[in-house]
Amino acid sequence: MLTDVAIRKSQPRESQYKLSDAQGLYLLVRPNGAKLWQLRYRFGGKEKTLSFGAYPEVSLLNARKAKEVAR
């Protein structure tokens, strides 16, 4: 599970990468430094992605709450 400290310490790389939390929730870190909350889920046998917003506007706690509502 992610912590707020780990999120704040994450640095951009040459290519985007994901920091996983739980149950499909992850933080996508882009090369330009943007950090976006996303949820990966399956519906009708197809993989889908739901976005919740950018960190720090959407905190870790709020992203987890949004994930529970979406599930």
Protein backbone atom coordinates (compact mmCIF):
# COMPACT_ATOMS: atom_id res chain seq x y z
CA MET A 1 0.00 0.00 0.00
CA LEU A 2 1.17 3.50 -0.80
CA THR A 3 1.98 6.15 1.76
CA ASP A 4 1.83 9.92 1.34
CA VAL A 5 5.59 10.12 1.93
CA ALA A 6 6.31 7.63 -0.87
CA ILE A 7 4.10 9.63 -3.24
CA ARG A 8 5.80 12.93 -2.39
CA LYS A 9 9.25 11.37 -2.88
CA SER A 10 8.42 9.88 -6.29
CA GLN A 11 10.37 11.55 -9.08
CA PRO A 12 9.66 11.68 -12.83
CA ARG A 13 11.61 9.30 -15.08
CA GLU A 14 12.15 9.16 -18.85
CA SER A 15 9.00 7.08 -19.26
CA GLN A 16 5.82 7.04 -17.19
CA TYR A 17 5.45 4.48 -14.39
CA LYS A 18 2.86 3.33 -11.87
CA LEU A 19 2.87 3.22 -8.07
CA SER A 20 0.33 0.59 -7.01
CA ASP A 21 -1.92 0.97 -4.00
CA ALA A 22 -4.64 -1.73 -3.74
CA GLN A 23 -7.55 -3.24 -5.68
CA GLY A 24 -6.53 -1.70 -9.00
CA LEU A 25 -5.83 1.83 -7.69
CA TYR A 26 -2.51 3.32 -8.77
CA LEU A 27 -0.72 6.62 -9.19
CA LEU A 28 0.59 7.25 -12.70
CA VAL A 29 3.77 9.35 -12.63
CA ARG A 30 4.43 11.04 -15.98
CA PRO A 31 7.81 12.27 -17.33
CA ASN A 32 6.67 15.91 -16.93
CA GLY A 33 6.11 15.31 -13.18
CA ALA A 34 2.31 15.03 -13.27
CA LYS A 35 0.87 12.47 -10.83
CA LEU A 36 -2.56 11.10 -11.75
CA TRP A 37 -4.86 8.75 -9.82
CA GLN A 38 -6.33 5.92 -11.89
CA LEU A 39 -8.31 2.75 -11.25
CA ARG A 40 -7.98 -0.29 -13.48
CA TYR A 41 -11.00 -2.59 -13.57
CA ARG A 42 -12.76 -5.10 -15.82
CA PHE A 43 -16.30 -4.75 -17.15
CA GLY A 44 -17.85 -7.16 -19.60
CA GLY A 45 -14.53 -8.96 -19.95
CA LYS A 46 -12.73 -5.80 -21.07
CA GLU A 47 -10.14 -3.83 -19.14
CA LYS A 48 -11.12 -0.22 -18.43
CA THR A 49 -9.49 2.72 -16.66
CA LEU A 50 -11.19 5.33 -14.48
CA SER A 51 -9.37 8.56 -13.57
CA PHE A 52 -9.90 10.41 -10.29
CA GLY A 53 -7.70 13.49 -10.73
CA ALA A 54 -4.22 14.74 -10.06
CA TYR A 55 -2.19 14.50 -6.86
CA PRO A 56 -2.09 16.61 -4.61
CA GLU A 57 -5.53 18.05 -5.54
CA VAL A 58 -6.89 14.54 -4.90
CA SER A 59 -5.19 13.14 -1.79
CA LEU A 60 -4.39 9.49 -1.15
CA LEU A 61 -7.32 9.25 1.27
CA ASN A 62 -9.76 10.82 -1.21
CA ALA A 63 -8.53 8.57 -4.03
CA ARG A 64 -9.15 5.51 -1.84
CA LYS A 65 -12.66 6.78 -1.03
CA ALA A 66 -13.37 7.38 -4.72
CA LYS A 67 -12.18 3.85 -5.47
CA GLU A 68 -14.62 2.40 -2.93
CA VAL A 69 -17.51 4.42 -4.38
CA ALA A 70 -16.60 3.27 -7.91
CA ARG A 71 -16.40 -0.37 -6.88
